[in-house]
Structures are given as structure tokens and as C-alpha cells.
Amino acid sequence: MSEIIHEHVAAYAADRVNLPHEDATKHRAQVNGLRDRLAKKIADDPSYGLVKSLHAGSVAKGTALRTVNDLDLAVYVKAAEAPSDDSELVQWLADRLYDATTNMGRDQFEEQTHCVTVHYQGSGLDVDVVPVLYEGEADDIGYLIKKGSGDRLKTSTRLHIDFIAARRRTYGPGLLELIRLTKWWKRQVTRADAEFKFKSFMIELVWCYLVDSGVDLHDYPKALEAFFSWIVKTGLEERVAFTDYTPAGTLPTRGSAAIEVLDPVNAENNVAERYDAIGRDRIVDAAQRAIDALTDARFATTKGRAVDDWQTLLGPTFRG
């Protein structure tokens, strides 16, 4: 029997990785305060230009780490009211967010490339407010302004959350915990290699693809090994795609991108399009090192040796 088993990894996740329920509640309350102010402004001022706001990101999906210090909010903007020049959209939104508050300075609404970061001085939390151009489509479908190109990118905050929630109902909470553990592994790799990139959204989608393909989640060490083994076996050249909102027959053909992980809400959006072959190989190499550590841990004859191996995956705080 292996020295490190499912119960050890699950206990570590609960103690060190997962965002505690009470903290998640506090974070959501912070966002809800902003949402309430926006809702009041929207109701009181028909010319305000905003339609509604929705929780977004890892806290909303249940995949946030204990170390999270920024939250996400999607704000739906009336497309007809938005600036005609998309480059002015973020500043326009920052002004409206400030206009809806009574106790915050304009400097607390920092304009980023594609969002407004709201800095809360008391809690130290940040909320990234992303504008979504809205034209009244069902299922909260709207359009982001794509970084770099300025193209319109179809999205739906609600459908993204529903996509994860449906799999959590089907496969159980272990899916979310394994996503968090993998994000935690990514943090360790990034600390050693600043050039390493593996988007959290990609990690979520690969896990969803694997559980849809039959990967069992009840034993965390085996499930993690299956995740990393798939990456190495395929070299990340197998396309990841879903048919929740896109019929299989209408999925686009495989393109020339080094990695293809298609957004389940918008199959025309390859969330990995910015990765080149070098970036792909970095992920594959890191996955191979993870497999090596997991294999060594599985056959380790002492607890200390197995713990050392798991620390290469999850960091020095892992004790087994």
C-alpha cells in the first residue's frame, strides 16, 4: 500500500488549498455590496448604460484557492450606450462604477487593459469588473472586447458557471477539489519557472474533458496521475471540446494552434490560442515531472520519501 493515499491528499486540500466557506461568504458579500449599488443605480437611472452584474470567476465556480485575493464581476453594458470607440470602454465603465458609489475615491477604480479593478481599502480585496456588451440575447450571452485585436468575443458568464455546476452535480465535489489541487501544483511550478503558463480556465476545461471521458475521481493520487498522464500521452495535441451548447456537427475543424481548448460557450474561441509549441512543451515537461514524482511516491518504501515526492507537486507545506 502506498505511503500517501487519498485521505492524506484530501486532508491537505481541506487544510491548505481550499478557500474556506466562511471566507468565500465574506468575499461574495463584498461583491454583493457593489452589485447592490449598481442595481440601485440601474433602477434609478434608465440612462445609466448598465443592465446588470453577475458573479464570475473562480469564487463563483467553486474553484478558487485559499490564496485568492481578487474576485471577478461581469457587468453587462447596453451595447447602444457604450462608447463607439471600444478603446474608451474601460474608462467609461470606471466612471460609471465610481458614480454608483458614495464612499470610495475615483482612484480606487483602476483602469486595466480589459477591466476595471476596484480596490477595497478595508479588506485589501480587489474586484476585477469586466464589461460585457449586451444586446438582449438569452442566457446572458454578450460580447467581450478581445485583448490585442479588439474583436468581439461571444461569452456568457451564466453558462460558464452552469457548465461547471452541471459536472459537479454529475461527478461530485471531488472534481472541484482536483481542479484546485492542480491549480496549486501550477503555483509551485510557476515559482520555479517564471515562464511557465497554464491558464486556470484551461485546467478546469481539461479536467471536465477527462471526467466526461471516464476518469475516476474517487482516489486523488490516481486521478492526478491520470490528468498528468493524459497531457504527456497526447502532448496536448488532442483537441478539448464540448457539446453542451454546441452540437457536435457544428464544432469547427482542428486549426493550426499548438493547443486547442475550446470554450464550451463559444466553440470559435480557443482559450489556448496564445500558446506556442514552446509553451505547450513546458506544460508537457512539467506534467512528466509530476508523473515521475507520483510514481516514485507510489512505490516509496518510507513515508519520508513519499512526502518528499508529494512536496515536489504541492509544495513544502505538504506533510502527509
C-alpha atoms as a PDB file:
ATOM      1  CA  MET A   1       0.000   0.000   0.000  1.00  0.00           C
ATOM      2  CA  SER A   2       1.261   3.471  -0.852  1.00  0.00           C
ATOM      3  CA  GLU A   3       2.528   5.632   1.996  1.00  0.00           C
ATOM      4  CA  ILE A   4       0.432   8.589   0.747  1.00  0.00           C
ATOM      5  CA  ILE A   5      -3.200   7.828  -0.032  1.00  0.00           C
ATOM      6  CA  HIS A   6      -6.352   9.669  -0.991  1.00  0.00           C
ATOM      7  CA  GLU A   7      -7.182  10.670   2.584  1.00  0.00           C
ATOM      8  CA  HIS A   8      -3.804  12.391   3.043  1.00  0.00           C
ATOM      9  CA  VAL A   9      -4.216  14.470  -0.120  1.00  0.00           C
ATOM     10  CA  ALA A  10      -7.845  15.324   0.659  1.00  0.00           C
ATOM     11  CA  ALA A  11      -6.868  16.446   4.173  1.00  0.00           C
ATOM     12  CA  TYR A  12      -4.121  18.656   2.753  1.00  0.00           C
ATOM     13  CA  ALA A  13      -6.555  20.215   0.299  1.00  0.00           C
ATOM     14  CA  ALA A  14      -9.014  20.975   3.091  1.00  0.00           C
ATOM     15  CA  ASP A  15      -6.310  22.444   5.323  1.00  0.00           C
ATOM     16  CA  ARG A  16      -4.142  24.359   2.856  1.00  0.00           C
ATOM     17  CA  VAL A  17      -5.671  24.628  -0.615  1.00  0.00           C
ATOM     18  CA  ASN A  18      -9.430  25.119  -0.471  1.00  0.00           C
ATOM     19  CA  LEU A  19     -10.993  28.520   0.142  1.00  0.00           C
ATOM     20  CA  PRO A  20     -12.849  28.127   3.477  1.00  0.00           C
ATOM     21  CA  HIS A  21     -16.611  28.509   3.264  1.00  0.00           C
ATOM     22  CA  GLU A  22     -16.650  31.449   5.660  1.00  0.00           C
ATOM     23  CA  ASP A  23     -14.030  33.277   3.586  1.00  0.00           C
ATOM     24  CA  ALA A  24     -15.933  32.607   0.377  1.00  0.00           C
ATOM     25  CA  THR A  25     -19.052  34.001   2.034  1.00  0.00           C
ATOM     26  CA  LYS A  26     -17.194  37.172   3.018  1.00  0.00           C
ATOM     27  CA  HIS A  27     -15.782  37.559  -0.480  1.00  0.00           C
ATOM     28  CA  ARG A  28     -19.211  37.149  -2.058  1.00  0.00           C
ATOM     29  CA  ALA A  29     -20.647  39.674   0.380  1.00  0.00           C
ATOM     30  CA  GLN A  30     -18.033  42.198  -0.740  1.00  0.00           C
ATOM     31  CA  VAL A  31     -19.002  41.692  -4.364  1.00  0.00           C
ATOM     32  CA  ASN A  32     -22.696  41.772  -3.468  1.00  0.00           C
ATOM     33  CA  GLY A  33     -22.221  45.194  -1.919  1.00  0.00           C
ATOM     34  CA  LEU A  34     -21.008  46.513  -5.253  1.00  0.00           C
ATOM     35  CA  ARG A  35     -23.742  44.642  -7.114  1.00  0.00           C
ATOM     36  CA  ASP A  36     -26.420  46.146  -4.877  1.00  0.00           C
ATOM     37  CA  ARG A  37     -25.159  49.669  -5.516  1.00  0.00           C
ATOM     38  CA  LEU A  38     -25.098  49.026  -9.257  1.00  0.00           C
ATOM     39  CA  ALA A  39     -28.603  47.514  -9.171  1.00  0.00           C
ATOM     40  CA  LYS A  40     -29.950  50.600  -7.378  1.00  0.00           C
ATOM     41  CA  LYS A  41     -28.275  52.943  -9.840  1.00  0.00           C
ATOM     42  CA  ILE A  42     -29.615  50.921 -12.783  1.00  0.00           C
ATOM     43  CA  ALA A  43     -33.137  51.037 -11.339  1.00  0.00           C
ATOM     44  CA  ASP A  44     -32.982  54.776 -10.558  1.00  0.00           C
ATOM     45  CA  ASP A  45     -31.344  55.960 -13.776  1.00  0.00           C
ATOM     46  CA  PRO A  46     -32.527  54.496 -17.121  1.00  0.00           C
ATOM     47  CA  SER A  47     -29.750  56.393 -18.917  1.00  0.00           C
ATOM     48  CA  TYR A  48     -27.023  54.816 -16.777  1.00  0.00           C
ATOM     49  CA  GLY A  49     -25.951  52.445 -19.551  1.00  0.00           C
ATOM     50  CA  LEU A  50     -25.580  49.257 -17.493  1.00  0.00           C
ATOM     51  CA  VAL A  51     -28.028  46.358 -17.453  1.00  0.00           C
ATOM     52  CA  LYS A  52     -26.959  44.013 -14.636  1.00  0.00           C
ATOM     53  CA  SER A  53     -23.971  42.373 -12.994  1.00  0.00           C
ATOM     54  CA  LEU A  54     -23.144  38.712 -12.372  1.00  0.00           C
ATOM     55  CA  HIS A  55     -20.607  36.944 -10.191  1.00  0.00           C
ATOM     56  CA  ALA A  56     -17.863  35.430 -12.342  1.00  0.00           C
ATOM     57  CA  GLY A  57     -14.519  33.679 -11.964  1.00  0.00           C
ATOM     58  CA  SER A  58     -13.200  31.005  -9.648  1.00  0.00           C
ATOM     59  CA  VAL A  59     -15.098  32.013  -6.498  1.00  0.00           C
ATOM     60  CA  ALA A  60     -18.390  31.857  -8.381  1.00  0.00           C
ATOM     61  CA  LYS A  61     -17.488  28.464  -9.878  1.00  0.00           C
ATOM     62  CA  GLY A  62     -16.145  26.993  -6.631  1.00  0.00           C
ATOM     63  CA  THR A  63     -12.599  26.520  -7.946  1.00  0.00           C
ATOM     64  CA  ALA A  64     -10.887  29.328  -6.006  1.00  0.00           C
ATOM     65  CA  LEU A  65      -7.792  28.708  -3.902  1.00  0.00           C
ATOM     66  CA  ARG A  66      -7.350  29.759  -0.293  1.00  0.00           C
ATOM     67  CA  THR A  67      -4.862  32.384  -1.503  1.00  0.00           C
ATOM     68  CA  VAL A  68      -7.373  34.199  -3.731  1.00  0.00           C
ATOM     69  CA  ASN A  69      -7.243  37.968  -3.276  1.00  0.00           C
ATOM     70  CA  ASP A  70      -9.143  39.170  -6.307  1.00  0.00           C
ATOM     71  CA  LEU A  71     -12.718  38.493  -7.355  1.00  0.00           C
ATOM     72  CA  ASP A  72     -14.483  38.784 -10.688  1.00  0.00           C
ATOM     73  CA  LEU A  73     -17.670  40.563 -11.653  1.00  0.00           C
ATOM     74  CA  ALA A  74     -19.175  40.707 -15.128  1.00  0.00           C
ATOM     75  CA  VAL A  75     -21.085  43.916 -15.810  1.00  0.00           C
ATOM     76  CA  TYR A  76     -23.454  43.851 -18.749  1.00  0.00           C
ATOM     77  CA  VAL A  77     -23.358  47.086 -20.736  1.00  0.00           C
ATOM     78  CA  LYS A  78     -26.069  48.262 -23.107  1.00  0.00           C
ATOM     79  CA  ALA A  79     -24.275  47.971 -26.426  1.00  0.00           C
ATOM     80  CA  ALA A  80     -26.138  51.004 -27.767  1.00  0.00           C
ATOM     81  CA  GLU A  81     -24.991  53.135 -24.814  1.00  0.00           C
ATOM     82  CA  ALA A  82     -21.329  52.090 -24.857  1.00  0.00           C
ATOM     83  CA  PRO A  83     -18.685  54.333 -26.445  1.00  0.00           C
ATOM     84  CA  SER A  84     -18.403  53.893 -30.209  1.00  0.00           C
ATOM     85  CA  ASP A  85     -14.638  53.609 -29.737  1.00  0.00           C
ATOM     86  CA  ASP A  86     -14.007  50.328 -27.885  1.00  0.00           C
ATOM     87  CA  SER A  87     -10.724  51.700 -26.518  1.00  0.00           C
ATOM     88  CA  GLU A  88     -12.757  54.075 -24.359  1.00  0.00           C
ATOM     89  CA  LEU A  89     -14.960  51.366 -22.846  1.00  0.00           C
ATOM     90  CA  VAL A  90     -12.887  50.653 -19.714  1.00  0.00           C
ATOM     91  CA  GLN A  91     -12.602  54.319 -18.733  1.00  0.00           C
ATOM     92  CA  TRP A  92     -16.317  54.786 -19.440  1.00  0.00           C
ATOM     93  CA  LEU A  93     -17.106  51.836 -17.155  1.00  0.00           C
ATOM     94  CA  ALA A  94     -14.773  53.083 -14.398  1.00  0.00           C
ATOM     95  CA  ASP A  95     -16.595  56.419 -14.358  1.00  0.00           C
ATOM     96  CA  ARG A  96     -19.952  54.695 -14.022  1.00  0.00           C
ATOM     97  CA  LEU A  97     -18.781  52.401 -11.246  1.00  0.00           C
ATOM     98  CA  TYR A  98     -17.483  55.408  -9.344  1.00  0.00           C
ATOM     99  CA  ASP A  99     -20.760  57.223  -9.967  1.00  0.00           C
ATOM    100  CA  ALA A 100     -22.654  54.381  -8.268  1.00  0.00           C
ATOM    101  CA  THR A 101     -20.674  54.613  -5.019  1.00  0.00           C
ATOM    102  CA  THR A 102     -20.753  57.131  -2.199  1.00  0.00           C
ATOM    103  CA  ASN A 103     -17.778  56.225  -0.036  1.00  0.00           C
ATOM    104  CA  MET A 104     -14.941  55.441  -2.469  1.00  0.00           C
ATOM    105  CA  GLY A 105     -12.429  57.624  -4.276  1.00  0.00           C
ATOM    106  CA  ARG A 106     -12.063  57.638  -8.044  1.00  0.00           C
ATOM    107  CA  ASP A 107      -8.509  56.344  -7.622  1.00  0.00           C
ATOM    108  CA  GLN A 108      -9.927  53.098  -6.209  1.00  0.00           C
ATOM    109  CA  PHE A 109     -11.256  52.305  -9.684  1.00  0.00           C
ATOM    110  CA  GLU A 110      -8.127  51.391 -11.621  1.00  0.00           C
ATOM    111  CA  GLU A 111      -8.410  51.054 -15.379  1.00  0.00           C
ATOM    112  CA  GLN A 112      -6.716  47.951 -16.753  1.00  0.00           C
ATOM    113  CA  THR A 113      -6.403  46.742 -20.346  1.00  0.00           C
ATOM    114  CA  HIS A 114      -9.710  44.874 -20.365  1.00  0.00           C
ATOM    115  CA  CYS A 115     -11.333  45.519 -16.988  1.00  0.00           C
ATOM    116  CA  VAL A 116     -11.667  47.918 -14.074  1.00  0.00           C
ATOM    117  CA  THR A 117     -10.029  46.778 -10.827  1.00  0.00           C
ATOM    118  CA  VAL A 118     -11.891  48.038  -7.774  1.00  0.00           C
ATOM    119  CA  HIS A 119      -9.562  48.275  -4.767  1.00  0.00           C
ATOM    120  CA  TYR A 120     -11.172  47.903  -1.336  1.00  0.00           C
ATOM    121  CA  GLN A 121      -9.013  49.559   1.289  1.00  0.00           C
ATOM    122  CA  GLY A 122     -10.538  47.853   4.322  1.00  0.00           C
ATOM    123  CA  SER A 123     -10.379  44.204   3.253  1.00  0.00           C
ATOM    124  CA  GLY A 124      -7.494  44.532   0.813  1.00  0.00           C
ATOM    125  CA  LEU A 125      -9.507  42.591  -1.765  1.00  0.00           C
ATOM    126  CA  ASP A 126      -9.710  43.592  -5.402  1.00  0.00           C
ATOM    127  CA  VAL A 127     -12.661  43.068  -7.701  1.00  0.00           C
ATOM    128  CA  ASP A 128     -11.977  42.861 -11.431  1.00  0.00           C
ATOM    129  CA  VAL A 129     -15.046  44.240 -13.201  1.00  0.00           C
ATOM    130  CA  VAL A 130     -15.215  43.074 -16.818  1.00  0.00           C
ATOM    131  CA  PRO A 131     -17.530  44.870 -19.263  1.00  0.00           C
ATOM    132  CA  VAL A 132     -19.744  42.620 -21.397  1.00  0.00           C
ATOM    133  CA  LEU A 133     -21.528  44.279 -24.305  1.00  0.00           C
ATOM    134  CA  TYR A 134     -25.152  43.143 -24.176  1.00  0.00           C
ATOM    135  CA  GLU A 135     -27.756  43.209 -26.921  1.00  0.00           C
ATOM    136  CA  GLY A 136     -30.576  41.360 -25.152  1.00  0.00           C
ATOM    137  CA  GLU A 137     -29.678  37.774 -26.094  1.00  0.00           C
ATOM    138  CA  ALA A 138     -30.929  34.864 -23.967  1.00  0.00           C
ATOM    139  CA  ASP A 139     -28.774  33.040 -21.405  1.00  0.00           C
ATOM    140  CA  ASP A 140     -26.848  36.243 -20.602  1.00  0.00           C
ATOM    141  CA  ILE A 141     -24.896  35.945 -23.831  1.00  0.00           C
ATOM    142  CA  GLY A 142     -22.860  39.045 -24.515  1.00  0.00           C
ATOM    143  CA  TYR A 143     -19.572  40.116 -26.070  1.00  0.00           C
ATOM    144  CA  LEU A 144     -16.160  40.852 -24.625  1.00  0.00           C
ATOM    145  CA  ILE A 145     -13.656  43.124 -26.304  1.00  0.00           C
ATOM    146  CA  LYS A 146     -10.793  40.771 -27.093  1.00  0.00           C
ATOM    147  CA  LYS A 147      -7.384  41.802 -25.805  1.00  0.00           C
ATOM    148  CA  GLY A 148      -4.914  42.687 -28.525  1.00  0.00           C
ATOM    149  CA  SER A 149      -7.210  42.546 -31.561  1.00  0.00           C
ATOM    150  CA  GLY A 150     -10.230  44.465 -30.280  1.00  0.00           C
ATOM    151  CA  ASP A 151     -12.531  41.810 -31.832  1.00  0.00           C
ATOM    152  CA  ARG A 152     -15.883  40.959 -30.242  1.00  0.00           C
ATOM    153  CA  LEU A 153     -15.832  37.640 -28.372  1.00  0.00           C
ATOM    154  CA  LYS A 154     -19.120  35.889 -27.561  1.00  0.00           C
ATOM    155  CA  THR A 155     -19.412  34.743 -23.945  1.00  0.00           C
ATOM    156  CA  SER A 156     -21.893  34.012 -21.167  1.00  0.00           C
ATOM    157  CA  THR A 157     -20.981  34.252 -17.507  1.00  0.00           C
ATOM    158  CA  ARG A 158     -24.072  32.296 -16.541  1.00  0.00           C
ATOM    159  CA  LEU A 159     -23.458  29.431 -18.961  1.00  0.00           C
ATOM    160  CA  HIS A 160     -19.827  29.112 -17.846  1.00  0.00           C
ATOM    161  CA  ILE A 161     -20.961  28.718 -14.236  1.00  0.00           C
ATOM    162  CA  ASP A 162     -23.718  26.293 -15.281  1.00  0.00           C
ATOM    163  CA  PHE A 163     -21.159  24.243 -17.247  1.00  0.00           C
ATOM    164  CA  ILE A 164     -19.037  23.617 -14.139  1.00  0.00           C
ATOM    165  CA  ALA A 165     -22.077  23.212 -11.858  1.00  0.00           C
ATOM    166  CA  ALA A 166     -23.550  20.506 -14.100  1.00  0.00           C
ATOM    167  CA  ARG A 167     -20.373  18.433 -13.840  1.00  0.00           C
ATOM    168  CA  ARG A 168     -20.129  18.988 -10.123  1.00  0.00           C
ATOM    169  CA  ARG A 169     -23.644  17.534  -9.821  1.00  0.00           C
ATOM    170  CA  THR A 170     -22.753  14.586 -12.057  1.00  0.00           C
ATOM    171  CA  TYR A 171     -19.285  13.727 -10.759  1.00  0.00           C
ATOM    172  CA  GLY A 172     -19.342  15.140  -7.220  1.00  0.00           C
ATOM    173  CA  PRO A 173     -17.334  17.784  -5.354  1.00  0.00           C
ATOM    174  CA  GLY A 174     -14.087  15.901  -5.950  1.00  0.00           C
ATOM    175  CA  LEU A 175     -13.942  17.471  -9.406  1.00  0.00           C
ATOM    176  CA  LEU A 176     -13.676  20.969  -7.951  1.00  0.00           C
ATOM    177  CA  GLU A 177     -11.125  19.850  -5.384  1.00  0.00           C
ATOM    178  CA  LEU A 178      -8.930  18.211  -8.023  1.00  0.00           C
ATOM    179  CA  ILE A 179      -9.114  21.404 -10.092  1.00  0.00           C
ATOM    180  CA  ARG A 180      -7.941  23.343  -7.032  1.00  0.00           C
ATOM    181  CA  LEU A 181      -5.137  20.869  -6.335  1.00  0.00           C
ATOM    182  CA  THR A 182      -3.974  21.193  -9.940  1.00  0.00           C
ATOM    183  CA  LYS A 183      -4.027  24.977  -9.708  1.00  0.00           C
ATOM    184  CA  TRP A 184      -1.973  24.622  -6.517  1.00  0.00           C
ATOM    185  CA  TRP A 185       0.520  22.442  -8.398  1.00  0.00           C
ATOM    186  CA  LYS A 186       0.693  25.125 -11.090  1.00  0.00           C
ATOM    187  CA  ARG A 187       1.647  27.685  -8.432  1.00  0.00           C
ATOM    188  CA  GLN A 188       4.615  25.543  -7.392  1.00  0.00           C
ATOM    189  CA  VAL A 189       5.771  25.137 -11.000  1.00  0.00           C
ATOM    190  CA  THR A 190       5.440  28.863 -11.683  1.00  0.00           C
ATOM    191  CA  ARG A 191       7.536  29.706  -8.624  1.00  0.00           C
ATOM    192  CA  ALA A 192      10.374  27.655 -10.099  1.00  0.00           C
ATOM    193  CA  ASP A 193       9.828  28.734 -13.707  1.00  0.00           C
ATOM    194  CA  ALA A 194       8.511  32.246 -14.277  1.00  0.00           C
ATOM    195  CA  GLU A 195       7.995  31.456 -17.968  1.00  0.00           C
ATOM    196  CA  PHE A 196       5.566  28.627 -17.218  1.00  0.00           C
ATOM    197  CA  LYS A 197       1.953  29.360 -18.186  1.00  0.00           C
ATOM    198  CA  PHE A 198      -1.125  27.182 -17.764  1.00  0.00           C
ATOM    199  CA  LYS A 199      -4.348  29.189 -17.578  1.00  0.00           C
ATOM    200  CA  SER A 200      -6.730  28.255 -14.779  1.00  0.00           C
ATOM    201  CA  PHE A 201      -9.615  28.114 -17.260  1.00  0.00           C
ATOM    202  CA  MET A 202      -7.637  25.594 -19.330  1.00  0.00           C
ATOM    203  CA  ILE A 203      -7.039  23.451 -16.243  1.00  0.00           C
ATOM    204  CA  GLU A 204     -10.773  23.481 -15.493  1.00  0.00           C
ATOM    205  CA  LEU A 205     -11.673  22.503 -19.049  1.00  0.00           C
ATOM    206  CA  VAL A 206      -9.106  19.694 -19.277  1.00  0.00           C
ATOM    207  CA  TRP A 207     -10.445  18.221 -16.050  1.00  0.00           C
ATOM    208  CA  CYS A 208     -14.019  18.444 -17.362  1.00  0.00           C
ATOM    209  CA  TYR A 209     -12.947  16.766 -20.600  1.00  0.00           C
ATOM    210  CA  LEU A 210     -11.264  13.946 -18.695  1.00  0.00           C
ATOM    211  CA  VAL A 211     -14.165  13.241 -16.349  1.00  0.00           C
ATOM    212  CA  ASP A 212     -16.513  13.244 -19.330  1.00  0.00           C
ATOM    213  CA  SER A 213     -14.149  10.641 -20.811  1.00  0.00           C
ATOM    214  CA  GLY A 214     -14.440   8.416 -17.745  1.00  0.00           C
ATOM    215  CA  VAL A 215     -11.554   9.368 -15.433  1.00  0.00           C
ATOM    216  CA  ASP A 216     -12.486   8.316 -11.904  1.00  0.00           C
ATOM    217  CA  LEU A 217     -12.155  10.936  -9.175  1.00  0.00           C
ATOM    218  CA  HIS A 218     -12.526   8.880  -6.013  1.00  0.00           C
ATOM    219  CA  ASP A 219      -8.797   8.363  -5.492  1.00  0.00           C
ATOM    220  CA  TYR A 220      -6.992  11.706  -5.751  1.00  0.00           C
ATOM    221  CA  PRO A 221      -3.459  10.341  -6.359  1.00  0.00           C
ATOM    222  CA  LYS A 222      -4.723   8.128  -9.186  1.00  0.00           C
ATOM    223  CA  ALA A 223      -6.878  10.920 -10.625  1.00  0.00           C
ATOM    224  CA  LEU A 224      -3.965  13.361 -10.620  1.00  0.00           C
ATOM    225  CA  GLU A 225      -1.779  10.755 -12.292  1.00  0.00           C
ATOM    226  CA  ALA A 226      -4.469  10.307 -14.958  1.00  0.00           C
ATOM    227  CA  PHE A 227      -4.562  14.085 -15.548  1.00  0.00           C
ATOM    228  CA  PHE A 228      -0.811  14.412 -15.998  1.00  0.00           C
ATOM    229  CA  SER A 229      -0.581  11.176 -17.988  1.00  0.00           C
ATOM    230  CA  TRP A 230      -3.161  12.435 -20.478  1.00  0.00           C
ATOM    231  CA  ILE A 231      -1.116  15.590 -21.016  1.00  0.00           C
ATOM    232  CA  VAL A 232       2.072  13.596 -21.620  1.00  0.00           C
ATOM    233  CA  LYS A 233       0.424  10.916 -23.741  1.00  0.00           C
ATOM    234  CA  THR A 234      -1.303  13.406 -26.039  1.00  0.00           C
ATOM    235  CA  GLY A 235       1.425  16.037 -25.915  1.00  0.00           C
ATOM    236  CA  LEU A 236      -1.526  18.440 -25.534  1.00  0.00           C
ATOM    237  CA  GLU A 237      -2.177  17.938 -29.241  1.00  0.00           C
ATOM    238  CA  GLU A 238      -5.598  16.320 -28.724  1.00  0.00           C
ATOM    239  CA  ARG A 239      -8.341  18.897 -29.011  1.00  0.00           C
ATOM    240  CA  VAL A 240     -10.507  19.574 -25.969  1.00  0.00           C
ATOM    241  CA  ALA A 241     -14.089  20.421 -26.943  1.00  0.00           C
ATOM    242  CA  PHE A 242     -17.622  20.098 -25.560  1.00  0.00           C
ATOM    243  CA  THR A 243     -21.140  19.800 -26.934  1.00  0.00           C
ATOM    244  CA  ASP A 244     -23.108  21.294 -24.038  1.00  0.00           C
ATOM    245  CA  TYR A 245     -24.046  24.372 -26.051  1.00  0.00           C
ATOM    246  CA  THR A 246     -22.646  23.481 -29.495  1.00  0.00           C
ATOM    247  CA  PRO A 247     -23.878  20.445 -31.481  1.00  0.00           C
ATOM    248  CA  ALA A 248     -21.015  18.091 -32.343  1.00  0.00           C
ATOM    249  CA  GLY A 249     -21.604  18.510 -36.061  1.00  0.00           C
ATOM    250  CA  THR A 250     -21.083  22.264 -35.881  1.00  0.00           C
ATOM    251  CA  LEU A 251     -17.785  22.262 -33.991  1.00  0.00           C
ATOM    252  CA  PRO A 252     -15.025  23.932 -36.012  1.00  0.00           C
ATOM    253  CA  THR A 253     -12.378  21.788 -37.645  1.00  0.00           C
ATOM    254  CA  ARG A 254      -8.995  21.463 -35.938  1.00  0.00           C
ATOM    255  CA  GLY A 255      -6.952  24.561 -36.582  1.00  0.00           C
ATOM    256  CA  SER A 256      -3.213  25.194 -36.592  1.00  0.00           C
ATOM    257  CA  ALA A 257      -2.827  26.381 -32.978  1.00  0.00           C
ATOM    258  CA  ALA A 258      -0.310  24.495 -30.837  1.00  0.00           C
ATOM    259  CA  ILE A 259      -3.054  23.729 -28.289  1.00  0.00           C
ATOM    260  CA  GLU A 260      -6.809  23.726 -28.837  1.00  0.00           C
ATOM    261  CA  VAL A 261      -9.031  24.001 -25.768  1.00  0.00           C
ATOM    262  CA  LEU A 262     -12.379  25.298 -26.975  1.00  0.00           C
ATOM    263  CA  ASP A 263     -14.594  27.479 -24.823  1.00  0.00           C
ATOM    264  CA  PRO A 264     -17.759  25.418 -24.179  1.00  0.00           C
ATOM    265  CA  VAL A 265     -19.923  28.543 -24.550  1.00  0.00           C
ATOM    266  CA  ASN A 266     -18.277  29.688 -27.778  1.00  0.00           C
ATOM    267  CA  ALA A 267     -16.528  26.954 -29.746  1.00  0.00           C
ATOM    268  CA  GLU A 268     -14.977  29.580 -32.027  1.00  0.00           C
ATOM    269  CA  ASN A 269     -12.908  30.728 -29.053  1.00  0.00           C
ATOM    270  CA  ASN A 270      -9.775  28.672 -28.493  1.00  0.00           C
ATOM    271  CA  VAL A 271      -8.790  29.688 -24.960  1.00  0.00           C
ATOM    272  CA  ALA A 272      -5.266  28.375 -25.644  1.00  0.00           C
ATOM    273  CA  GLU A 273      -4.675  30.260 -28.888  1.00  0.00           C
ATOM    274  CA  ARG A 274      -1.841  32.361 -27.405  1.00  0.00           C
ATOM    275  CA  TYR A 275       0.268  29.278 -26.571  1.00  0.00           C
ATOM    276  CA  ASP A 276       3.015  28.326 -28.983  1.00  0.00           C
ATOM    277  CA  ALA A 277       4.843  24.995 -29.226  1.00  0.00           C
ATOM    278  CA  ILE A 278       7.386  26.099 -26.616  1.00  0.00           C
ATOM    279  CA  GLY A 279       4.649  26.951 -24.119  1.00  0.00           C
ATOM    280  CA  ARG A 280       2.923  23.640 -24.835  1.00  0.00           C
ATOM    281  CA  ASP A 281       6.171  21.727 -24.285  1.00  0.00           C
ATOM    282  CA  ARG A 282       6.693  23.471 -20.938  1.00  0.00           C
ATOM    283  CA  ILE A 283       3.350  22.142 -19.752  1.00  0.00           C
ATOM    284  CA  VAL A 284       4.092  18.635 -21.056  1.00  0.00           C
ATOM    285  CA  ASP A 285       7.528  18.630 -19.393  1.00  0.00           C
ATOM    286  CA  ALA A 286       6.055  19.784 -16.071  1.00  0.00           C
ATOM    287  CA  ALA A 287       3.395  17.071 -16.327  1.00  0.00           C
ATOM    288  CA  GLN A 288       6.103  14.446 -16.914  1.00  0.00           C
ATOM    289  CA  ARG A 289       7.931  15.602 -13.784  1.00  0.00           C
ATOM    290  CA  ALA A 290       4.665  15.337 -11.873  1.00  0.00           C
ATOM    291  CA  ILE A 291       4.144  11.766 -13.100  1.00  0.00           C
ATOM    292  CA  ASP A 292       7.680  10.867 -12.096  1.00  0.00           C
ATOM    293  CA  ALA A 293       7.081  12.200  -8.594  1.00  0.00           C
ATOM    294  CA  LEU A 294       3.723  10.448  -8.253  1.00  0.00           C
ATOM    295  CA  THR A 295       5.180   7.157  -9.479  1.00  0.00           C
ATOM    296  CA  ASP A 296       8.117   7.390  -7.105  1.00  0.00           C
ATOM    297  CA  ALA A 297       5.764   8.238  -4.227  1.00  0.00           C
ATOM    298  CA  ARG A 298       3.529   5.263  -5.030  1.00  0.00           C
ATOM    299  CA  PHE A 299       6.424   2.831  -4.730  1.00  0.00           C
ATOM    300  CA  ALA A 300       8.311   4.608  -1.938  1.00  0.00           C
ATOM    301  CA  THR A 301       9.208   2.303   0.950  1.00  0.00           C
ATOM    302  CA  THR A 302       9.282   5.073   3.552  1.00  0.00           C
ATOM    303  CA  LYS A 303       6.826   7.815   4.458  1.00  0.00           C
ATOM    304  CA  GLY A 304       9.587  10.413   4.268  1.00  0.00           C
ATOM    305  CA  ARG A 305      10.436   9.529   0.674  1.00  0.00           C
ATOM    306  CA  ALA A 306       6.788   9.657  -0.359  1.00  0.00           C
ATOM    307  CA  VAL A 307       6.296  13.030   1.360  1.00  0.00           C
ATOM    308  CA  ASP A 308       9.344  14.425  -0.445  1.00  0.00           C
ATOM    309  CA  ASP A 309       7.815  13.390  -3.768  1.00  0.00           C
ATOM    310  CA  TRP A 310       4.462  14.964  -2.958  1.00  0.00           C
ATOM    311  CA  GLN A 311       6.208  18.151  -1.886  1.00  0.00           C
ATOM    312  CA  THR A 312       7.576  18.496  -5.416  1.00  0.00           C
ATOM    313  CA  LEU A 313       3.958  18.624  -6.560  1.00  0.00           C
ATOM    314  CA  LEU A 314       2.227  20.583  -3.821  1.00  0.00           C
ATOM    315  CA  GLY A 315       4.994  22.465  -2.044  1.00  0.00           C
ATOM    316  CA  PRO A 316       6.877  22.220   1.235  1.00  0.00           C
ATOM    317  CA  THR A 317       3.766  22.529   3.425  1.00  0.00           C
ATOM    318  CA  PHE A 318       2.620  19.047   2.433  1.00  0.00           C
ATOM    319  CA  ARG A 319       3.258  16.678   5.346  1.00  0.00           C
ATOM    320  CA  GLY A 320       1.140  13.654   4.515  1.00  0.00           C
END
